[in-house]
Amino acid sequence: MTEAFYEIFHEISELGIQLAYNTIPGGYHPLHWHEEMEILFPLNGDADVTINGKVYHLRHRQLLVIESGQVHSTAAYSRQLMFVCIHISKRLLLRYIPDIELYRFHCFPDEITDRQFEEYIYLCQMTEQLTRLYVENASAALMESEGIILQILARLFRHFSLRSALEQSSPNAQAHQRLQELITFVNEHFKEPLSLCEAAALLGLNKEYFCRFFKKHMGISFLQYVNEVRISHIYQELQNTDAPITEIMEANGFTNQKLFNKTFKKIYGCTPSMARKRSQ
């Protein structure tokens, strides 16, 4: 599969950790999900992170945790916003906490309690240490970084987690699984014509109920989401190839030039040709 939407991380260490310093292409990463939990820490600007339909405003030098399997997207206020991005495999953390799958982490800047505040500040400070290690490129930096991340995880577990029974058969769990299936389907077929009827049939729903279901849980219509997926791939191709814009547009499933231009400008704040010029 491609990088977005359902992501598989091939560089997870034996400890179950992947540390990266990422920028979001064009400042926008469409709705996607992955099995790993994620810690985000913007270094030089602010971003809106949408998790399961709820928007969280994340300011620079603030830390936010995205639970494993949660559907989320990121919209940055700067095209050059850099994140410390940590992915952790809960499965590989079983060696430390055998019942880790029963815990859910809840750490959002706007929802920190007075009791958690000092711990939260300390978590942010530890994450900044990772940046200094990266810049210094000192020997054994990876070892030290993974040690710091394990400390962060231990503090998150003690102060920002709740134990809850697995709810695999609950309505919320079923809806979540359906969304994951649908996102994976769109990722695999976004270059092809996709209809509401086809998507509804995939989930075994009629078209009218499917539209309400998708809007309720994703915050946008299904067709709008498909177009955002296509646009994100088009943006990356504009940056990395010299192919004509119309050719890239059509190869990624767009047939309506007017809708393409409107959607692209809404997401990236500029025309496709302007976006290409910026990368040169």
C-alpha atoms as a PDB file:
ATOM      1  CA  MET A   1       0.000   0.000   0.000  1.00  0.00           C
ATOM      2  CA  THR A   2       1.052   3.601  -0.378  1.00  0.00           C
ATOM      3  CA  GLU A   3       2.248   5.642   2.557  1.00  0.00           C
ATOM      4  CA  ALA A   4      -0.992   7.405   3.399  1.00  0.00           C
ATOM      5  CA  PHE A   5      -4.354   6.238   4.716  1.00  0.00           C
ATOM      6  CA  TYR A   6      -3.447   2.816   6.126  1.00  0.00           C
ATOM      7  CA  GLU A   7       0.203   3.071   7.010  1.00  0.00           C
ATOM      8  CA  ILE A   8       2.620   0.239   7.663  1.00  0.00           C
ATOM      9  CA  PHE A   9       5.920   1.190   9.276  1.00  0.00           C
ATOM     10  CA  HIS A  10       8.823  -1.014   8.247  1.00  0.00           C
ATOM     11  CA  GLU A  11      11.423   0.599  10.503  1.00  0.00           C
ATOM     12  CA  ILE A  12       9.880  -0.257  13.860  1.00  0.00           C
ATOM     13  CA  SER A  13      12.775  -1.287  16.125  1.00  0.00           C
ATOM     14  CA  GLU A  14      12.893  -4.421  18.241  1.00  0.00           C
ATOM     15  CA  LEU A  15      11.634  -2.278  21.113  1.00  0.00           C
ATOM     16  CA  GLY A  16       8.529  -1.459  19.047  1.00  0.00           C
ATOM     17  CA  ILE A  17       9.552   2.164  18.371  1.00  0.00           C
ATOM     18  CA  GLN A  18       9.983   4.301  15.257  1.00  0.00           C
ATOM     19  CA  LEU A  19      11.308   7.852  15.698  1.00  0.00           C
ATOM     20  CA  ALA A  20      11.086  10.289  12.773  1.00  0.00           C
ATOM     21  CA  TYR A  21      11.268  14.020  12.066  1.00  0.00           C
ATOM     22  CA  ASN A  22       8.591  14.653   9.455  1.00  0.00           C
ATOM     23  CA  THR A  23       7.088  17.457   7.439  1.00  0.00           C
ATOM     24  CA  ILE A  24       3.583  17.126   6.022  1.00  0.00           C
ATOM     25  CA  PRO A  25       3.539  17.526   2.209  1.00  0.00           C
ATOM     26  CA  GLY A  26       1.709  20.773   1.550  1.00  0.00           C
ATOM     27  CA  GLY A  27       0.672  20.991   5.192  1.00  0.00           C
ATOM     28  CA  TYR A  28      -2.099  18.384   4.901  1.00  0.00           C
ATOM     29  CA  HIS A  29      -2.228  14.632   5.546  1.00  0.00           C
ATOM     30  CA  PRO A  30      -5.690  13.155   4.789  1.00  0.00           C
ATOM     31  CA  LEU A  31      -7.602  10.847   7.105  1.00  0.00           C
ATOM     32  CA  HIS A  32      -5.734   7.594   7.647  1.00  0.00           C
ATOM     33  CA  TRP A  33      -5.038   4.977  10.314  1.00  0.00           C
ATOM     34  CA  HIS A  34      -2.374   2.538  11.447  1.00  0.00           C
ATOM     35  CA  GLU A  35      -1.993  -0.135  14.100  1.00  0.00           C
ATOM     36  CA  GLU A  36       0.747   1.762  15.954  1.00  0.00           C
ATOM     37  CA  MET A  37      -0.028   4.458  18.510  1.00  0.00           C
ATOM     38  CA  GLU A  38       1.503   7.831  17.642  1.00  0.00           C
ATOM     39  CA  ILE A  39       3.030  10.742  19.548  1.00  0.00           C
ATOM     40  CA  LEU A  40       3.080  14.083  17.696  1.00  0.00           C
ATOM     41  CA  PHE A  41       5.156  17.099  18.744  1.00  0.00           C
ATOM     42  CA  PRO A  42       5.307  20.084  16.315  1.00  0.00           C
ATOM     43  CA  LEU A  43       8.598  21.968  16.456  1.00  0.00           C
ATOM     44  CA  ASN A  44       7.990  25.222  14.608  1.00  0.00           C
ATOM     45  CA  GLY A  45       4.283  25.937  14.204  1.00  0.00           C
ATOM     46  CA  ASP A  46       0.702  24.926  14.932  1.00  0.00           C
ATOM     47  CA  ALA A  47      -1.562  22.262  13.447  1.00  0.00           C
ATOM     48  CA  ASP A  48      -5.092  20.908  13.663  1.00  0.00           C
ATOM     49  CA  VAL A  49      -5.249  17.173  14.313  1.00  0.00           C
ATOM     50  CA  THR A  50      -8.603  15.503  13.668  1.00  0.00           C
ATOM     51  CA  ILE A  51      -9.089  12.246  15.573  1.00  0.00           C
ATOM     52  CA  ASN A  52     -12.268  10.204  15.092  1.00  0.00           C
ATOM     53  CA  GLY A  53     -14.079  13.334  13.896  1.00  0.00           C
ATOM     54  CA  LYS A  54     -12.947  15.666  16.717  1.00  0.00           C
ATOM     55  CA  VAL A  55     -10.511  18.509  15.993  1.00  0.00           C
ATOM     56  CA  TYR A  56      -7.645  19.247  18.400  1.00  0.00           C
ATOM     57  CA  HIS A  57      -5.536  22.380  18.009  1.00  0.00           C
ATOM     58  CA  LEU A  58      -1.893  21.467  18.587  1.00  0.00           C
ATOM     59  CA  ARG A  59       0.522  24.346  19.202  1.00  0.00           C
ATOM     60  CA  HIS A  60       4.266  24.125  18.716  1.00  0.00           C
ATOM     61  CA  ARG A  61       6.138  22.381  21.523  1.00  0.00           C
ATOM     62  CA  GLN A  62       2.944  20.630  22.649  1.00  0.00           C
ATOM     63  CA  LEU A  63       2.539  16.864  22.740  1.00  0.00           C
ATOM     64  CA  LEU A  64      -0.459  14.852  21.601  1.00  0.00           C
ATOM     65  CA  VAL A  65      -1.072  11.087  21.603  1.00  0.00           C
ATOM     66  CA  ILE A  66      -3.079   9.271  18.925  1.00  0.00           C
ATOM     67  CA  GLU A  67      -4.217   5.821  20.004  1.00  0.00           C
ATOM     68  CA  SER A  68      -3.595   2.784  17.804  1.00  0.00           C
ATOM     69  CA  GLY A  69      -6.217   2.269  15.114  1.00  0.00           C
ATOM     70  CA  GLN A  70      -7.743   5.744  15.428  1.00  0.00           C
ATOM     71  CA  VAL A  71      -8.738   7.477  12.192  1.00  0.00           C
ATOM     72  CA  HIS A  72      -6.926  10.823  12.045  1.00  0.00           C
ATOM     73  CA  SER A  73      -5.693  13.609   9.788  1.00  0.00           C
ATOM     74  CA  THR A  74      -3.313  16.547  10.197  1.00  0.00           C
ATOM     75  CA  ALA A  75      -3.613  20.058   8.767  1.00  0.00           C
ATOM     76  CA  ALA A  76      -0.651  22.348   9.432  1.00  0.00           C
ATOM     77  CA  TYR A  77      -0.650  26.137   9.243  1.00  0.00           C
ATOM     78  CA  SER A  78       2.730  26.096   7.520  1.00  0.00           C
ATOM     79  CA  ARG A  79       3.905  24.056   4.543  1.00  0.00           C
ATOM     80  CA  GLN A  80       7.261  23.627   6.296  1.00  0.00           C
ATOM     81  CA  LEU A  81       5.993  22.521   9.706  1.00  0.00           C
ATOM     82  CA  MET A  82       8.246  19.841  11.196  1.00  0.00           C
ATOM     83  CA  PHE A  83       7.068  17.246  13.705  1.00  0.00           C
ATOM     84  CA  VAL A  84       8.773  14.894  16.059  1.00  0.00           C
ATOM     85  CA  CYS A  85       6.735  11.813  15.174  1.00  0.00           C
ATOM     86  CA  ILE A  86       6.991   8.665  17.294  1.00  0.00           C
ATOM     87  CA  HIS A  87       5.179   5.444  16.408  1.00  0.00           C
ATOM     88  CA  ILE A  88       4.948   2.684  19.006  1.00  0.00           C
ATOM     89  CA  SER A  89       3.761  -0.862  18.497  1.00  0.00           C
ATOM     90  CA  LYS A  90       1.621  -1.859  21.446  1.00  0.00           C
ATOM     91  CA  ARG A  91       2.095  -5.492  20.498  1.00  0.00           C
ATOM     92  CA  LEU A  92       5.843  -5.212  21.025  1.00  0.00           C
ATOM     93  CA  LEU A  93       5.327  -3.450  24.356  1.00  0.00           C
ATOM     94  CA  LEU A  94       3.742  -6.586  25.776  1.00  0.00           C
ATOM     95  CA  ARG A  95       7.151  -7.494  27.218  1.00  0.00           C
ATOM     96  CA  TYR A  96       6.781  -4.556  29.622  1.00  0.00           C
ATOM     97  CA  ILE A  97       3.022  -4.449  30.185  1.00  0.00           C
ATOM     98  CA  PRO A  98       1.334  -7.810  29.427  1.00  0.00           C
ATOM     99  CA  ASP A  99      -2.175  -6.306  29.376  1.00  0.00           C
ATOM    100  CA  ILE A 100      -1.235  -3.166  27.405  1.00  0.00           C
ATOM    101  CA  GLU A 101      -4.082  -3.773  24.913  1.00  0.00           C
ATOM    102  CA  LEU A 102      -6.575  -3.085  27.698  1.00  0.00           C
ATOM    103  CA  TYR A 103      -5.269   0.461  28.201  1.00  0.00           C
ATOM    104  CA  ARG A 104      -6.150   3.581  26.250  1.00  0.00           C
ATOM    105  CA  PHE A 105      -3.914   6.638  26.332  1.00  0.00           C
ATOM    106  CA  HIS A 106      -5.596  10.028  26.602  1.00  0.00           C
ATOM    107  CA  CYS A 107      -3.210  12.962  26.254  1.00  0.00           C
ATOM    108  CA  PHE A 108      -4.477  16.109  24.501  1.00  0.00           C
ATOM    109  CA  PRO A 109      -3.153  19.602  25.388  1.00  0.00           C
ATOM    110  CA  ASP A 110      -6.609  21.163  25.844  1.00  0.00           C
ATOM    111  CA  GLU A 111      -7.749  18.354  28.149  1.00  0.00           C
ATOM    112  CA  ILE A 112      -4.839  18.187  30.602  1.00  0.00           C
ATOM    113  CA  THR A 113      -6.040  18.363  34.214  1.00  0.00           C
ATOM    114  CA  ASP A 114      -4.362  20.410  36.933  1.00  0.00           C
ATOM    115  CA  ARG A 115      -3.111  17.173  38.463  1.00  0.00           C
ATOM    116  CA  GLN A 116      -1.507  16.129  35.169  1.00  0.00           C
ATOM    117  CA  PHE A 117      -0.026  19.515  34.250  1.00  0.00           C
ATOM    118  CA  GLU A 118       3.487  19.110  35.682  1.00  0.00           C
ATOM    119  CA  GLU A 119       3.796  15.628  34.208  1.00  0.00           C
ATOM    120  CA  TYR A 120       2.657  16.936  30.834  1.00  0.00           C
ATOM    121  CA  ILE A 121       5.273  19.697  30.844  1.00  0.00           C
ATOM    122  CA  TYR A 122       7.930  17.124  31.689  1.00  0.00           C
ATOM    123  CA  LEU A 123       6.795  14.942  28.772  1.00  0.00           C
ATOM    124  CA  CYS A 124       7.204  17.906  26.425  1.00  0.00           C
ATOM    125  CA  GLN A 125      10.670  18.623  27.803  1.00  0.00           C
ATOM    126  CA  MET A 126      11.753  15.014  27.290  1.00  0.00           C
ATOM    127  CA  THR A 127      10.496  15.123  23.700  1.00  0.00           C
ATOM    128  CA  GLU A 128      12.579  18.250  23.094  1.00  0.00           C
ATOM    129  CA  GLN A 129      15.615  16.300  24.280  1.00  0.00           C
ATOM    130  CA  LEU A 130      15.070  13.982  21.315  1.00  0.00           C
ATOM    131  CA  THR A 131      15.422  16.969  18.988  1.00  0.00           C
ATOM    132  CA  ARG A 132      18.706  18.028  20.568  1.00  0.00           C
ATOM    133  CA  LEU A 133      20.085  14.506  20.203  1.00  0.00           C
ATOM    134  CA  TYR A 134      19.047  14.524  16.545  1.00  0.00           C
ATOM    135  CA  VAL A 135      20.773  17.869  15.885  1.00  0.00           C
ATOM    136  CA  GLU A 136      23.952  16.914  17.734  1.00  0.00           C
ATOM    137  CA  ASN A 137      24.111  13.517  15.997  1.00  0.00           C
ATOM    138  CA  ALA A 138      26.195  12.218  18.872  1.00  0.00           C
ATOM    139  CA  SER A 139      27.401   8.644  19.147  1.00  0.00           C
ATOM    140  CA  ALA A 140      24.840   6.320  20.742  1.00  0.00           C
ATOM    141  CA  ALA A 141      22.123   8.928  20.036  1.00  0.00           C
ATOM    142  CA  LEU A 142      19.674   6.233  18.913  1.00  0.00           C
ATOM    143  CA  MET A 143      20.194   4.261  22.093  1.00  0.00           C
ATOM    144  CA  GLU A 144      19.686   7.364  24.228  1.00  0.00           C
ATOM    145  CA  SER A 145      16.636   8.413  22.192  1.00  0.00           C
ATOM    146  CA  GLU A 146      14.939   5.045  22.623  1.00  0.00           C
ATOM    147  CA  GLY A 147      15.652   5.225  26.346  1.00  0.00           C
ATOM    148  CA  ILE A 148      13.947   8.631  26.538  1.00  0.00           C
ATOM    149  CA  ILE A 149      10.956   7.345  24.545  1.00  0.00           C
ATOM    150  CA  LEU A 150      10.555   4.430  26.952  1.00  0.00           C
ATOM    151  CA  GLN A 151      10.526   6.938  29.830  1.00  0.00           C
ATOM    152  CA  ILE A 152       7.878   8.970  28.008  1.00  0.00           C
ATOM    153  CA  LEU A 153       5.779   5.843  27.520  1.00  0.00           C
ATOM    154  CA  ALA A 154       6.127   4.860  31.174  1.00  0.00           C
ATOM    155  CA  ARG A 155       4.914   8.286  32.304  1.00  0.00           C
ATOM    156  CA  LEU A 156       2.079   8.255  29.780  1.00  0.00           C
ATOM    157  CA  PHE A 157       1.052   4.862  31.116  1.00  0.00           C
ATOM    158  CA  ARG A 158       1.118   6.016  34.754  1.00  0.00           C
ATOM    159  CA  HIS A 159      -0.530   9.408  34.340  1.00  0.00           C
ATOM    160  CA  PHE A 160      -2.421   9.482  31.019  1.00  0.00           C
ATOM    161  CA  SER A 161      -3.973   6.048  30.552  1.00  0.00           C
ATOM    162  CA  LEU A 162      -7.214   4.352  31.481  1.00  0.00           C
ATOM    163  CA  ARG A 163      -7.928   0.655  31.685  1.00  0.00           C
ATOM    164  CA  SER A 164     -11.025  -0.403  29.794  1.00  0.00           C
ATOM    165  CA  ALA A 165     -12.470  -3.683  28.599  1.00  0.00           C
ATOM    166  CA  LEU A 166     -12.062  -4.473  24.915  1.00  0.00           C
ATOM    167  CA  GLU A 167     -15.280  -3.639  23.068  1.00  0.00           C
ATOM    168  CA  GLN A 168     -14.918  -5.567  19.862  1.00  0.00           C
ATOM    169  CA  SER A 169     -18.665  -6.148  19.543  1.00  0.00           C
ATOM    170  CA  SER A 170     -19.879  -2.697  20.637  1.00  0.00           C
ATOM    171  CA  PRO A 171     -21.550  -0.361  18.096  1.00  0.00           C
ATOM    172  CA  ASN A 172     -18.617   2.077  18.326  1.00  0.00           C
ATOM    173  CA  ALA A 173     -16.085  -0.684  17.708  1.00  0.00           C
ATOM    174  CA  GLN A 174     -18.088  -1.955  14.735  1.00  0.00           C
ATOM    175  CA  ALA A 175     -18.331   1.545  13.257  1.00  0.00           C
ATOM    176  CA  HIS A 176     -14.599   2.020  13.755  1.00  0.00           C
ATOM    177  CA  GLN A 177     -13.817  -1.239  11.982  1.00  0.00           C
ATOM    178  CA  ARG A 178     -16.093  -0.300   9.089  1.00  0.00           C
ATOM    179  CA  LEU A 179     -14.297   3.031   8.687  1.00  0.00           C
ATOM    180  CA  GLN A 180     -10.914   1.329   8.677  1.00  0.00           C
ATOM    181  CA  GLU A 181     -12.084  -1.060   5.964  1.00  0.00           C
ATOM    182  CA  LEU A 182     -13.434   1.817   3.912  1.00  0.00           C
ATOM    183  CA  ILE A 183     -10.290   3.928   4.234  1.00  0.00           C
ATOM    184  CA  THR A 184      -8.164   0.979   3.143  1.00  0.00           C
ATOM    185  CA  PHE A 185     -10.497   0.390   0.188  1.00  0.00           C
ATOM    186  CA  VAL A 186     -10.253   4.030  -0.951  1.00  0.00           C
ATOM    187  CA  ASN A 187      -6.472   3.927  -0.637  1.00  0.00           C
ATOM    188  CA  GLU A 188      -6.317   0.933  -2.947  1.00  0.00           C
ATOM    189  CA  HIS A 189      -8.815   2.198  -5.534  1.00  0.00           C
ATOM    190  CA  PHE A 190      -8.710   6.022  -5.507  1.00  0.00           C
ATOM    191  CA  LYS A 191      -7.363   6.107  -9.082  1.00  0.00           C
ATOM    192  CA  GLU A 192     -10.518   4.339 -10.279  1.00  0.00           C
ATOM    193  CA  PRO A 193     -14.093   5.681 -10.513  1.00  0.00           C
ATOM    194  CA  LEU A 194     -15.642   5.293  -7.037  1.00  0.00           C
ATOM    195  CA  SER A 195     -19.367   5.637  -6.438  1.00  0.00           C
ATOM    196  CA  LEU A 196     -21.481   5.988  -3.326  1.00  0.00           C
ATOM    197  CA  CYS A 197     -23.323   2.781  -4.216  1.00  0.00           C
ATOM    198  CA  GLU A 198     -20.080   0.830  -4.468  1.00  0.00           C
ATOM    199  CA  ALA A 199     -18.821   2.121  -1.114  1.00  0.00           C
ATOM    200  CA  ALA A 200     -22.158   1.482   0.577  1.00  0.00           C
ATOM    201  CA  ALA A 201     -22.264  -2.064  -0.782  1.00  0.00           C
ATOM    202  CA  LEU A 202     -18.784  -2.708   0.631  1.00  0.00           C
ATOM    203  CA  LEU A 203     -20.182  -2.123   4.125  1.00  0.00           C
ATOM    204  CA  GLY A 204     -23.520  -3.762   3.430  1.00  0.00           C
ATOM    205  CA  LEU A 205     -25.466  -0.488   3.821  1.00  0.00           C
ATOM    206  CA  ASN A 206     -27.970   1.326   1.633  1.00  0.00           C
ATOM    207  CA  LYS A 207     -26.764   4.540   0.053  1.00  0.00           C
ATOM    208  CA  GLU A 208     -28.774   6.939   2.245  1.00  0.00           C
ATOM    209  CA  TYR A 209     -27.671   5.331   5.536  1.00  0.00           C
ATOM    210  CA  PHE A 210     -24.083   5.091   4.304  1.00  0.00           C
ATOM    211  CA  CYS A 211     -23.974   8.855   3.580  1.00  0.00           C
ATOM    212  CA  ARG A 212     -25.236   9.664   7.090  1.00  0.00           C
ATOM    213  CA  PHE A 213     -22.880   7.123   8.669  1.00  0.00           C
ATOM    214  CA  PHE A 214     -19.800   8.454   6.865  1.00  0.00           C
ATOM    215  CA  LYS A 215     -20.603  12.130   7.525  1.00  0.00           C
ATOM    216  CA  LYS A 216     -21.249  11.445  11.209  1.00  0.00           C
ATOM    217  CA  HIS A 217     -17.973   9.624  11.822  1.00  0.00           C
ATOM    218  CA  MET A 218     -15.641  11.364   9.359  1.00  0.00           C
ATOM    219  CA  GLY A 219     -17.011  14.908   9.367  1.00  0.00           C
ATOM    220  CA  ILE A 220     -17.056  15.150   5.568  1.00  0.00           C
ATOM    221  CA  SER A 221     -18.933  13.434   2.753  1.00  0.00           C
ATOM    222  CA  PHE A 222     -17.569  10.265   1.178  1.00  0.00           C
ATOM    223  CA  LEU A 223     -16.975  11.883  -2.214  1.00  0.00           C
ATOM    224  CA  GLN A 224     -15.219  14.829  -0.573  1.00  0.00           C
ATOM    225  CA  TYR A 225     -12.946  12.392   1.243  1.00  0.00           C
ATOM    226  CA  VAL A 226     -12.139  10.494  -1.967  1.00  0.00           C
ATOM    227  CA  ASN A 227     -11.243  13.775  -3.668  1.00  0.00           C
ATOM    228  CA  GLU A 228      -8.987  14.786  -0.761  1.00  0.00           C
ATOM    229  CA  VAL A 229      -7.165  11.457  -1.043  1.00  0.00           C
ATOM    230  CA  ARG A 230      -6.671  12.005  -4.762  1.00  0.00           C
ATOM    231  CA  ILE A 231      -5.520  15.587  -4.254  1.00  0.00           C
ATOM    232  CA  SER A 232      -2.885  14.572  -1.680  1.00  0.00           C
ATOM    233  CA  HIS A 233      -1.349  12.120  -4.160  1.00  0.00           C
ATOM    234  CA  ILE A 234      -1.516  14.688  -6.952  1.00  0.00           C
ATOM    235  CA  TYR A 235       0.271  17.236  -4.760  1.00  0.00           C
ATOM    236  CA  GLN A 236       3.164  14.839  -4.169  1.00  0.00           C
ATOM    237  CA  GLU A 237       3.442  14.039  -7.878  1.00  0.00           C
ATOM    238  CA  LEU A 238       3.490  17.754  -8.701  1.00  0.00           C
ATOM    239  CA  GLN A 239       6.473  18.105  -6.386  1.00  0.00           C
ATOM    240  CA  ASN A 240       8.343  15.071  -7.665  1.00  0.00           C
ATOM    241  CA  THR A 241       7.607  14.798 -11.409  1.00  0.00           C
ATOM    242  CA  ASP A 242       7.523  17.009 -14.494  1.00  0.00           C
ATOM    243  CA  ALA A 243       4.403  15.380 -15.951  1.00  0.00           C
ATOM    244  CA  PRO A 244       1.649  17.746 -17.177  1.00  0.00           C
ATOM    245  CA  ILE A 245      -0.858  18.719 -14.494  1.00  0.00           C
ATOM    246  CA  THR A 246      -3.841  17.429 -16.489  1.00  0.00           C
ATOM    247  CA  GLU A 247      -2.129  14.086 -16.972  1.00  0.00           C
ATOM    248  CA  ILE A 248      -1.415  13.760 -13.238  1.00  0.00           C
ATOM    249  CA  MET A 249      -4.977  14.788 -12.411  1.00  0.00           C
ATOM    250  CA  GLU A 250      -6.540  12.161 -14.673  1.00  0.00           C
ATOM    251  CA  ALA A 251      -4.101   9.430 -13.605  1.00  0.00           C
ATOM    252  CA  ASN A 252      -5.234   9.941 -10.006  1.00  0.00           C
ATOM    253  CA  GLY A 253      -8.944   9.624 -10.687  1.00  0.00           C
ATOM    254  CA  PHE A 254     -10.044  13.224 -11.367  1.00  0.00           C
ATOM    255  CA  THR A 255     -12.129  13.841 -14.479  1.00  0.00           C
ATOM    256  CA  ASN A 256     -13.626  17.232 -13.575  1.00  0.00           C
ATOM    257  CA  GLN A 257     -11.078  20.024 -14.076  1.00  0.00           C
ATOM    258  CA  LYS A 258     -13.168  22.678 -12.322  1.00  0.00           C
ATOM    259  CA  LEU A 259     -13.761  20.501  -9.254  1.00  0.00           C
ATOM    260  CA  PHE A 260     -10.094  19.539  -9.198  1.00  0.00           C
ATOM    261  CA  ASN A 261      -8.917  23.167  -9.173  1.00  0.00           C
ATOM    262  CA  LYS A 262     -11.475  24.149  -6.530  1.00  0.00           C
ATOM    263  CA  THR A 263     -10.607  21.234  -4.220  1.00  0.00           C
ATOM    264  CA  PHE A 264      -6.864  21.703  -4.630  1.00  0.00           C
ATOM    265  CA  LYS A 265      -7.022  25.406  -3.783  1.00  0.00           C
ATOM    266  CA  LYS A 266      -9.272  24.761  -0.780  1.00  0.00           C
ATOM    267  CA  ILE A 267      -6.768  22.304   0.701  1.00  0.00           C
ATOM    268  CA  TYR A 268      -3.456  23.911  -0.228  1.00  0.00           C
ATOM    269  CA  GLY A 269      -4.410  27.566  -0.640  1.00  0.00           C
ATOM    270  CA  CYS A 270      -2.953  27.850  -4.136  1.00  0.00           C
ATOM    271  CA  THR A 271      -3.378  26.530  -7.659  1.00  0.00           C
ATOM    272  CA  PRO A 272      -1.630  23.309  -8.795  1.00  0.00           C
ATOM    273  CA  SER A 273       0.777  25.303 -10.980  1.00  0.00           C
ATOM    274  CA  MET A 274       1.696  27.561  -8.051  1.00  0.00           C
ATOM    275  CA  ALA A 275       2.321  24.509  -5.863  1.00  0.00           C
ATOM    276  CA  ARG A 276       4.691  23.112  -8.476  1.00  0.00           C
ATOM    277  CA  LYS A 277       6.582  26.418  -8.760  1.00  0.00           C
ATOM    278  CA  ARG A 278       7.085  26.556  -5.000  1.00  0.00           C
ATOM    279  CA  SER A 279       8.923  23.225  -5.100  1.00  0.00           C
ATOM    280  CA  GLN A 280      11.361  24.313  -7.800  1.00  0.00           C
END
